[in-house]
Amino acid sequence: MKKTGDEYFDSEEFRNLLDGYEESVKSGHPVFMDADDLADIADYYHFMGANQDADETIDYALSLYPNATLPNVFRAREALTAGDIDKAKECVEQIENKEDPEYQYMQAELLIAQDKVEEADQFLREYFSTIPPDEYQDFVMDVSNIYNDYGLNDKAYEWMMRTKGDDSNDFKELMARTLFGLGKYKDSERIFNELLDKNPYSTRYWNALASAQFMNEDFSNAITSSEYAIAIDPKNPEGLLSKANGLYQLGNYDEAILYYNRYLEVAQPDDIVPQIYQELALCHSSLHHLDEALAYINKIQGSNSDPTDMLVMKGHIYLENDNVPEAERMFKEAITRSHNAPIILLRIIVSLYDNRYVKACYEMFKKFFSIVVDEHFKQGYSYMALCCWDLGYTEEFLKYLHIAVERNPAETRIVLRHLFPEGMAVKDYYDFMCQKLKQ
């Protein structure tokens, strides 16, 4: 059994449980296990990417225990992931024990999945008032984990602040992941380093540390952290992918190609493969291996990819390899196919910037914002600000920076954070730059 980095899944207790289950399945003899154990085994399979095994295990659990809590919770979460709210509700209502905290949590998740976050929070606060004091910490951790899973890191942080916390690895890891989600990558990095001091052989911690360093644009250290994960487990997919991404960012395209291919060798077949083909295409394009780059785009076209997106990608590759006429042809076809969709036009304009056609990018953005989109469109303003910065157009830079901060702080952080002090909140970008440019 492969090490997972999860304390329970790697324990002897769980290994014995899993071995017993798999032996029973292999022999065809009945499996006598309780519902919670079967749900744990399904969770393990899901964690390892063996989704068919997970589904078969849950099917079996529900055939024995149709009203058990955890198997129905598993099915409900699957339905929520697929966007099937009605199916999720049906699974939750199958749960017999309505007093089970997991049933209550699923009621909150159903609300969150319907974008009723404040209703969910009110529900959880009311439920919190019924929890005995000695269970506060566990409850807060459970709620914070739910919010963390849904990317609601501000809510997760708010709930974690309701307790004094503790020195447990679980609490620290959740805090580190929450801070990561809030964009506080240095703070997240600090906590993962503390966790690694206690457990230096955790691939999960090394990979999480690499992610925090990568997002902080500390690519060299991100690569080093991923190398520790790979040293512990040479077939660790996340570590291999993390190293490949770091190498790509540093312009080491030849080695990045090696690690993307190593990732493809060990990763479970999943939806990320087309994304890896795209990264390989970009690596080969940067090395001016035009035929290889286009070959990977053609591989993507064999999947469920959007053909218009692939035209934009081909245009970008042709442009990077100085074939301007063919790039123009790809871009025009993409615009025609998409019926002048703003998001396609935006991607083409950004491609111009990436290929250092800065003045052309600026001119196209001027038309884009004045003719194509209205004041409700939220994307692209940070890229326009960057164009103005590069061209020395100070007044226009401040104008578009202000719009970017107001309308799309997430994009603004990604595109413009290199212009500002590390850790500065996006809301402070405009005032900071106004003061800086006056000096």
Protein backbone atom coordinates (compact mmCIF):
# COMPACT_ATOMS: atom_id res chain seq x y z
CA MET A 1 0.00 0.00 0.00
CA LYS A 2 1.39 3.37 -1.05
CA LYS A 3 2.06 6.06 1.57
CA THR A 4 -0.50 8.86 1.35
CA GLY A 5 0.80 11.43 3.83
CA ASP A 6 -2.50 11.13 5.72
CA GLU A 7 -1.96 10.01 9.31
CA TYR A 8 -4.99 7.70 9.49
CA PHE A 9 -4.68 6.23 5.99
CA ASP A 10 -1.01 5.43 6.68
CA SER A 11 -1.74 3.86 10.09
CA GLU A 12 -1.46 0.14 10.75
CA GLU A 13 -5.10 0.12 11.86
CA PHE A 14 -6.33 1.37 8.50
CA ARG A 15 -3.89 -0.78 6.52
CA ASN A 16 -5.28 -3.89 8.23
CA LEU A 17 -8.83 -2.71 7.56
CA LEU A 18 -8.10 -2.10 3.87
CA ASP A 19 -6.21 -5.37 3.46
CA GLY A 20 -9.13 -7.28 4.96
CA TYR A 21 -11.61 -5.54 2.66
CA GLU A 22 -9.55 -6.07 -0.49
CA GLU A 23 -8.92 -9.72 0.35
CA SER A 24 -12.65 -10.26 0.80
CA VAL A 25 -13.43 -8.54 -2.50
CA LYS A 26 -10.77 -10.57 -4.30
CA SER A 27 -12.01 -13.87 -2.86
CA GLY A 28 -15.67 -13.08 -3.45
CA HIS A 29 -16.56 -13.73 0.17
CA PRO A 30 -18.98 -11.39 1.99
CA VAL A 31 -17.41 -8.32 3.59
CA PHE A 32 -18.56 -7.87 7.17
CA MET A 33 -17.69 -4.28 8.09
CA ASP A 34 -19.64 -1.43 9.59
CA ALA A 35 -20.78 1.57 7.56
CA ASP A 36 -18.15 3.96 8.90
CA ASP A 37 -15.27 1.61 8.01
CA LEU A 38 -16.60 1.17 4.48
CA ALA A 39 -16.95 4.95 4.14
CA ASP A 40 -13.33 5.37 5.30
CA ILE A 41 -12.19 2.90 2.64
CA ALA A 42 -14.18 4.78 -0.01
CA ASP A 43 -12.60 8.04 1.17
CA TYR A 44 -9.17 6.44 0.81
CA TYR A 45 -9.91 5.28 -2.75
CA HIS A 46 -11.21 8.75 -3.63
CA PHE A 47 -8.11 10.32 -2.06
CA MET A 48 -5.92 8.07 -4.24
CA GLY A 49 -7.88 8.88 -7.40
CA ALA A 50 -9.42 5.38 -7.64
CA ASN A 51 -12.93 6.74 -8.09
CA GLN A 52 -14.46 3.54 -9.47
CA ASP A 53 -13.29 1.57 -6.42
CA ALA A 54 -14.67 4.32 -4.19
CA ASP A 55 -18.07 4.18 -5.89
CA GLU A 56 -18.24 0.39 -5.67
CA THR A 57 -17.39 0.51 -1.97
CA ILE A 58 -20.09 3.08 -1.25
CA ASP A 59 -22.61 1.14 -3.34
CA TYR A 60 -21.88 -1.90 -1.20
CA ALA A 61 -22.08 0.12 2.04
CA LEU A 62 -25.47 1.54 1.05
CA SER A 63 -26.75 -1.90 0.08
CA LEU A 64 -26.06 -3.02 3.66
CA TYR A 65 -26.83 0.24 5.48
CA PRO A 66 -29.15 2.37 3.30
CA ASN A 67 -29.76 4.93 6.06
CA ALA A 68 -26.22 5.14 7.49
CA THR A 69 -24.74 8.59 7.84
CA LEU A 70 -21.28 8.50 6.28
CA PRO A 71 -22.07 6.56 3.08
CA ASN A 72 -24.94 8.95 2.36
CA VAL A 73 -22.71 11.93 3.13
CA PHE A 74 -20.16 10.55 0.63
CA ARG A 75 -22.87 10.25 -2.05
CA ALA A 76 -24.26 13.71 -1.24
CA ARG A 77 -20.85 15.33 -1.64
CA GLU A 78 -20.35 13.53 -4.95
CA ALA A 79 -23.67 14.98 -6.11
CA LEU A 80 -22.69 18.47 -4.97
CA THR A 81 -19.42 18.20 -6.87
CA ALA A 82 -21.45 17.30 -9.97
CA GLY A 83 -23.78 20.25 -9.33
CA ASP A 84 -26.79 18.02 -8.64
CA ILE A 85 -28.40 19.72 -5.64
CA ASP A 86 -31.58 17.62 -5.78
CA LYS A 87 -29.64 14.36 -5.70
CA ALA A 88 -27.55 15.64 -2.79
CA LYS A 89 -30.72 16.53 -0.87
CA GLU A 90 -32.12 13.05 -1.49
CA CYS A 91 -28.95 11.47 -0.08
CA VAL A 92 -29.00 13.69 2.99
CA GLU A 93 -32.64 12.88 3.71
CA GLN A 94 -31.79 9.15 3.64
CA ILE A 95 -29.75 9.67 6.82
CA GLU A 96 -31.66 8.18 9.72
CA ASN A 97 -29.84 9.87 12.59
CA LYS A 98 -30.81 13.53 12.20
CA GLU A 99 -28.89 14.36 15.38
CA ASP A 100 -25.58 13.27 13.86
CA PRO A 101 -23.27 16.29 13.43
CA GLU A 102 -22.48 15.08 9.89
CA TYR A 103 -26.16 15.46 9.01
CA GLN A 104 -26.09 19.02 10.34
CA TYR A 105 -22.91 19.82 8.43
CA MET A 106 -24.49 18.55 5.22
CA GLN A 107 -27.44 20.91 5.74
CA ALA A 108 -24.93 23.75 5.82
CA GLU A 109 -23.11 22.42 2.76
CA LEU A 110 -26.36 22.28 0.81
CA LEU A 111 -26.87 25.97 1.53
CA ILE A 112 -23.27 26.83 0.59
CA ALA A 113 -23.60 24.91 -2.67
CA GLN A 114 -26.63 27.09 -3.50
CA ASP A 115 -24.61 30.27 -2.79
CA LYS A 116 -26.53 30.85 0.43
CA VAL A 117 -23.36 31.36 2.45
CA GLU A 118 -24.77 33.73 5.04
CA GLU A 119 -27.74 31.42 5.63
CA ALA A 120 -25.31 28.54 6.10
CA ASP A 121 -23.26 30.60 8.52
CA GLN A 122 -26.34 31.54 10.54
CA PHE A 123 -27.36 27.87 10.65
CA LEU A 124 -23.90 26.87 11.89
CA ARG A 125 -23.82 29.63 14.50
CA GLU A 126 -27.17 28.46 15.87
CA TYR A 127 -25.96 24.87 15.92
CA PHE A 128 -22.73 26.00 17.63
CA SER A 129 -24.81 27.31 20.55
CA THR A 130 -25.93 23.73 21.27
CA ILE A 131 -22.40 22.26 21.35
CA PRO A 132 -20.88 21.37 24.78
CA PRO A 133 -17.79 23.47 25.61
CA ASP A 134 -15.47 20.47 25.52
CA GLU A 135 -16.44 19.94 21.86
CA TYR A 136 -15.97 23.55 20.71
CA GLN A 137 -12.52 22.97 19.25
CA ASP A 138 -13.57 19.95 17.18
CA PHE A 139 -16.68 21.74 15.95
CA VAL A 140 -14.73 24.82 14.86
CA MET A 141 -12.24 22.61 13.03
CA ASP A 142 -15.05 20.79 11.23
CA VAL A 143 -16.76 24.02 10.17
CA SER A 144 -13.49 25.62 9.10
CA ASN A 145 -12.65 22.56 7.02
CA ILE A 146 -16.02 22.81 5.27
CA TYR A 147 -15.45 26.46 4.38
CA ASN A 148 -11.89 25.67 3.33
CA ASP A 149 -13.14 22.93 0.99
CA TYR A 150 -15.45 25.43 -0.71
CA GLY A 151 -12.73 28.07 -1.04
CA LEU A 152 -14.42 30.34 1.52
CA ASN A 153 -11.19 31.03 3.33
CA ASP A 154 -12.36 34.25 4.96
CA LYS A 155 -15.14 32.32 6.66
CA ALA A 156 -12.76 29.51 7.61
CA TYR A 157 -10.40 32.04 9.22
CA GLU A 158 -13.27 33.76 11.01
CA TRP A 159 -14.35 30.47 12.60
CA MET A 160 -10.81 29.48 13.55
CA MET A 161 -10.50 32.77 15.42
CA ARG A 162 -13.44 31.70 17.61
CA THR A 163 -11.12 29.44 19.59
CA LYS A 164 -7.68 29.82 21.08
CA GLY A 165 -6.54 27.06 18.78
CA ASP A 166 -4.07 24.43 19.83
CA ASP A 167 -0.66 23.10 18.95
CA SER A 168 -1.96 20.10 17.04
CA ASN A 169 -0.74 19.39 13.53
CA ASP A 170 -4.33 19.32 12.26
CA PHE A 171 -5.07 22.82 13.52
CA LYS A 172 -1.79 24.21 12.22
CA GLU A 173 -2.24 22.62 8.81
CA LEU A 174 -5.76 23.97 8.46
CA MET A 175 -4.56 27.42 9.47
CA ALA A 176 -1.71 27.22 6.93
CA ARG A 177 -4.08 26.19 4.15
CA THR A 178 -6.56 28.91 5.11
CA LEU A 179 -3.82 31.56 5.07
CA PHE A 180 -2.74 30.22 1.68
CA GLY A 181 -6.29 30.66 0.42
CA LEU A 182 -6.30 34.24 1.73
CA GLY A 183 -3.14 34.99 -0.25
CA LYS A 184 -0.94 35.19 2.86
CA TYR A 185 1.70 32.93 1.36
CA LYS A 186 4.58 33.89 3.67
CA ASP A 187 2.51 33.14 6.77
CA SER A 188 1.40 29.86 5.23
CA GLU A 189 5.01 29.00 4.42
CA ARG A 190 6.09 29.70 8.00
CA ILE A 191 3.53 27.29 9.45
CA PHE A 192 4.32 24.53 6.97
CA ASN A 193 7.98 24.87 7.93
CA GLU A 194 6.96 24.41 11.57
CA LEU A 195 5.03 21.28 10.64
CA LEU A 196 8.01 19.94 8.72
CA ASP A 197 10.22 20.46 11.75
CA LYS A 198 7.98 17.91 13.50
CA ASN A 199 7.46 15.62 10.52
CA PRO A 200 10.21 16.03 7.88
CA TYR A 201 9.02 12.98 5.92
CA SER A 202 5.57 14.28 5.03
CA THR A 203 5.21 14.62 1.26
CA ARG A 204 1.94 16.47 1.86
CA TYR A 205 3.69 19.18 3.89
CA TRP A 206 6.57 19.50 1.42
CA ASN A 207 4.14 19.86 -1.47
CA ALA A 208 2.07 22.42 0.42
CA LEU A 209 5.24 24.37 1.25
CA ALA A 210 6.24 24.27 -2.42
CA SER A 211 2.82 25.64 -3.39
CA ALA A 212 3.12 28.54 -0.94
CA GLN A 213 6.61 29.36 -2.22
CA PHE A 214 5.45 29.08 -5.84
CA MET A 215 2.56 31.48 -5.26
CA ASN A 216 5.00 33.87 -3.60
CA GLU A 217 7.10 33.63 -6.80
CA ASP A 218 9.96 32.03 -4.84
CA PHE A 219 10.40 29.48 -7.60
CA SER A 220 13.87 28.23 -6.66
CA ASN A 221 12.80 27.31 -3.13
CA ALA A 222 9.54 25.85 -4.46
CA ILE A 223 11.61 23.51 -6.63
CA THR A 224 13.79 22.57 -3.65
CA SER A 225 10.71 21.75 -1.55
CA SER A 226 9.23 19.65 -4.34
CA GLU A 227 12.55 17.80 -4.59
CA TYR A 228 12.23 16.76 -0.94
CA ALA A 229 8.76 15.35 -1.70
CA ILE A 230 10.17 13.47 -4.70
CA ALA A 231 13.10 12.16 -2.64
CA ILE A 232 10.63 10.70 -0.13
CA ASP A 233 8.40 9.32 -2.89
CA PRO A 234 9.92 9.34 -6.42
CA LYS A 235 6.47 8.72 -7.92
CA ASN A 236 4.69 11.46 -5.99
CA PRO A 237 2.52 13.17 -8.66
CA GLU A 238 2.10 16.47 -6.85
CA GLY A 239 5.83 16.80 -6.22
CA LEU A 240 6.68 16.03 -9.87
CA LEU A 241 4.11 18.53 -11.13
CA SER A 242 5.25 21.18 -8.67
CA LYS A 243 8.86 20.83 -9.78
CA ALA A 244 7.83 20.97 -13.44
CA ASN A 245 5.87 24.18 -12.85
CA GLY A 246 8.77 25.77 -10.99
CA LEU A 247 11.22 24.87 -13.73
CA TYR A 248 8.86 26.33 -16.32
CA GLN A 249 8.63 29.62 -14.42
CA LEU A 250 12.44 29.84 -14.28
CA GLY A 251 12.67 29.26 -18.03
CA ASN A 252 14.30 25.83 -17.68
CA TYR A 253 12.02 24.40 -20.35
CA ASP A 254 14.04 21.30 -21.25
CA GLU A 255 14.00 20.00 -17.68
CA ALA A 256 10.39 21.10 -17.17
CA ILE A 257 9.44 18.87 -20.12
CA LEU A 258 11.15 15.90 -18.42
CA TYR A 259 9.16 16.42 -15.20
CA TYR A 260 5.83 17.02 -16.95
CA ASN A 261 6.38 13.71 -18.72
CA ARG A 262 7.32 11.99 -15.45
CA TYR A 263 4.11 13.33 -13.97
CA LEU A 264 2.09 11.89 -16.86
CA GLU A 265 3.72 8.49 -16.27
CA VAL A 266 2.54 8.24 -12.65
CA ALA A 267 -0.64 10.33 -12.49
CA GLN A 268 -4.03 8.67 -12.49
CA PRO A 269 -5.93 9.41 -15.72
CA ASP A 270 -7.86 12.57 -14.95
CA ASP A 271 -8.99 15.92 -16.27
CA ILE A 272 -5.63 17.54 -15.66
CA VAL A 273 -3.93 15.71 -18.56
CA PRO A 274 -5.04 18.24 -21.21
CA GLN A 275 -3.64 20.98 -18.96
CA ILE A 276 -0.28 19.17 -18.85
CA TYR A 277 -0.32 18.87 -22.65
CA GLN A 278 -0.87 22.62 -22.74
CA GLU A 279 2.13 23.21 -20.46
CA LEU A 280 4.23 20.91 -22.65
CA ALA A 281 3.09 22.83 -25.72
CA LEU A 282 4.15 26.11 -24.10
CA CYS A 283 7.53 24.64 -23.10
CA HIS A 284 8.23 23.47 -26.64
CA SER A 285 7.01 26.79 -28.04
CA SER A 286 9.41 28.69 -25.78
CA LEU A 287 12.22 26.46 -27.11
CA HIS A 288 10.99 27.25 -30.65
CA HIS A 289 10.08 23.63 -31.25
CA LEU A 290 7.06 24.66 -33.29
CA ASP A 291 6.06 21.23 -34.60
CA GLU A 292 6.23 19.62 -31.15
CA ALA A 293 4.22 22.45 -29.59
CA LEU A 294 1.48 22.16 -32.21
CA ALA A 295 1.46 18.37 -31.83
CA TYR A 296 0.55 18.74 -28.13
CA ILE A 297 -2.23 21.18 -28.99
CA ASN A 298 -3.56 18.60 -31.44
CA LYS A 299 -3.51 16.02 -28.62
CA ILE A 300 -5.63 18.36 -26.51
CA GLN A 301 -8.08 18.71 -29.39
CA GLY A 302 -8.70 14.99 -29.11
CA SER A 303 -10.16 15.56 -25.63
CA ASN A 304 -13.25 17.55 -24.66
CA SER A 305 -11.45 20.85 -25.18
CA ASP A 306 -13.03 24.00 -26.56
CA PRO A 307 -11.86 24.31 -30.20
CA THR A 308 -11.92 28.10 -29.93
CA ASP A 309 -9.52 27.99 -26.98
CA MET A 310 -7.21 25.78 -29.01
CA LEU A 311 -7.22 28.31 -31.86
CA VAL A 312 -6.09 30.99 -29.41
CA MET A 313 -3.36 28.68 -28.12
CA LYS A 314 -2.16 27.98 -31.66
CA GLY A 315 -2.17 31.69 -32.41
CA HIS A 316 -0.08 32.34 -29.31
CA ILE A 317 2.42 29.64 -30.32
CA TYR A 318 2.71 30.94 -33.89
CA LEU A 319 3.21 34.47 -32.56
CA GLU A 320 5.94 33.33 -30.16
CA ASN A 321 7.66 31.62 -33.07
CA ASP A 322 7.52 34.76 -35.28
CA ASN A 323 4.91 33.46 -37.69
CA VAL A 324 2.70 36.55 -37.50
CA PRO A 325 0.47 35.79 -40.55
CA GLU A 326 -0.46 32.35 -39.21
CA ALA A 327 -1.03 33.80 -35.72
CA GLU A 328 -3.38 36.40 -37.20
CA ARG A 329 -5.26 33.67 -39.07
CA MET A 330 -5.74 31.61 -35.90
CA PHE A 331 -6.83 34.65 -33.88
CA LYS A 332 -9.32 35.80 -36.53
CA GLU A 333 -10.84 32.33 -36.75
CA ALA A 334 -11.15 32.20 -32.96
CA ILE A 335 -12.90 35.60 -32.93
CA THR A 336 -15.29 34.52 -35.69
CA ARG A 337 -16.11 31.18 -34.04
CA SER A 338 -16.75 32.83 -30.70
CA HIS A 339 -18.88 35.62 -32.23
CA ASN A 340 -16.55 38.25 -30.79
CA ALA A 341 -16.78 36.82 -27.26
CA PRO A 342 -15.04 39.28 -24.90
CA ILE A 343 -13.16 36.53 -23.04
CA ILE A 344 -11.61 35.28 -26.33
CA LEU A 345 -10.66 38.80 -27.36
CA LEU A 346 -9.10 39.32 -23.93
CA ARG A 347 -7.00 36.16 -24.22
CA ILE A 348 -5.72 37.27 -27.63
CA ILE A 349 -4.78 40.70 -26.29
CA VAL A 350 -2.94 39.14 -23.34
CA SER A 351 -1.07 36.91 -25.79
CA LEU A 352 0.14 40.06 -27.53
CA TYR A 353 1.46 41.35 -24.20
CA ASP A 354 3.15 38.04 -23.37
CA ASN A 355 4.93 38.18 -26.71
CA ARG A 356 6.05 41.78 -26.00
CA TYR A 357 3.80 43.51 -28.53
CA VAL A 358 3.10 46.00 -25.77
CA LYS A 359 2.01 48.99 -27.86
CA ALA A 360 -0.31 46.84 -29.99
CA CYS A 361 -1.72 45.34 -26.78
CA TYR A 362 -2.36 48.84 -25.41
CA GLU A 363 -4.15 49.97 -28.58
CA MET A 364 -6.35 46.87 -28.63
CA PHE A 365 -7.22 47.30 -24.96
CA LYS A 366 -8.32 50.89 -25.63
CA LYS A 367 -10.82 49.63 -28.21
CA PHE A 368 -11.78 46.65 -26.07
CA PHE A 369 -12.79 48.74 -23.07
CA SER A 370 -14.46 51.52 -25.06
CA ILE A 371 -16.36 49.44 -27.64
CA VAL A 372 -16.56 45.74 -26.74
CA VAL A 373 -17.40 45.64 -23.02
CA ASP A 374 -19.35 47.77 -20.58
CA GLU A 375 -18.68 48.91 -17.04
CA HIS A 376 -19.85 45.55 -15.64
CA PHE A 377 -16.98 43.63 -17.25
CA LYS A 378 -14.40 42.83 -14.56
CA GLN A 379 -11.44 41.27 -16.36
CA GLY A 380 -8.38 42.67 -18.11
CA TYR A 381 -7.97 46.01 -16.35
CA SER A 382 -4.87 44.89 -14.46
CA TYR A 383 -3.25 43.86 -17.78
CA MET A 384 -4.09 47.27 -19.25
CA ALA A 385 -2.53 48.88 -16.18
CA LEU A 386 0.59 46.79 -16.76
CA CYS A 387 0.76 47.91 -20.39
CA CYS A 388 0.53 51.54 -19.30
CA TRP A 389 3.24 50.95 -16.68
CA ASP A 390 5.58 49.45 -19.29
CA LEU A 391 4.89 52.30 -21.70
CA GLY A 392 5.34 54.99 -19.04
CA TYR A 393 1.76 56.27 -19.29
CA THR A 394 1.48 57.25 -15.63
CA GLU A 395 -1.97 58.83 -15.55
CA GLU A 396 -3.55 55.98 -17.48
CA PHE A 397 -1.72 53.46 -15.32
CA LEU A 398 -3.31 54.93 -12.20
CA LYS A 399 -6.71 55.09 -13.88
CA TYR A 400 -6.70 51.42 -14.83
CA LEU A 401 -5.07 50.35 -11.57
CA HIS A 402 -7.94 51.97 -9.67
CA ILE A 403 -10.51 50.15 -11.80
CA ALA A 404 -8.64 46.84 -11.47
CA VAL A 405 -8.47 47.07 -7.68
CA GLU A 406 -12.17 47.88 -7.45
CA ARG A 407 -13.48 45.32 -9.93
CA ASN A 408 -11.14 42.34 -9.78
CA PRO A 409 -8.72 42.25 -6.82
CA ALA A 410 -7.86 38.56 -7.43
CA GLU A 411 -6.64 39.23 -10.99
CA THR A 412 -4.91 42.41 -9.82
CA ARG A 413 -2.90 40.53 -7.21
CA ILE A 414 -1.73 37.95 -9.74
CA VAL A 415 -0.82 40.41 -12.50
CA LEU A 416 0.55 43.39 -10.58
CA ARG A 417 1.85 42.21 -7.21
CA HIS A 418 5.48 42.38 -8.43
CA LEU A 419 5.10 46.17 -8.48
CA PHE A 420 4.22 46.37 -4.77
CA PRO A 421 5.78 45.47 -1.40
CA GLU A 422 5.44 41.83 -0.45
CA GLY A 423 2.26 41.07 1.45
CA MET A 424 0.54 44.38 0.71
CA ALA A 425 -3.25 44.10 0.52
CA VAL A 426 -4.66 44.74 -2.96
CA LYS A 427 -6.99 47.40 -1.57
CA ASP A 428 -3.88 49.47 -0.71
CA TYR A 429 -2.27 49.26 -4.17
CA TYR A 430 -3.77 52.44 -5.57
CA ASP A 431 -2.98 54.72 -2.61
CA PHE A 432 0.54 53.28 -2.35
CA MET A 433 1.26 53.91 -6.02
CA CYS A 434 -0.20 57.42 -5.92
CA GLN A 435 2.22 58.28 -3.12
CA LYS A 436 5.15 56.56 -4.81
CA LEU A 437 4.66 58.34 -8.12
CA LYS A 438 4.48 61.75 -6.40
CA GLN A 439 8.00 61.34 -4.98
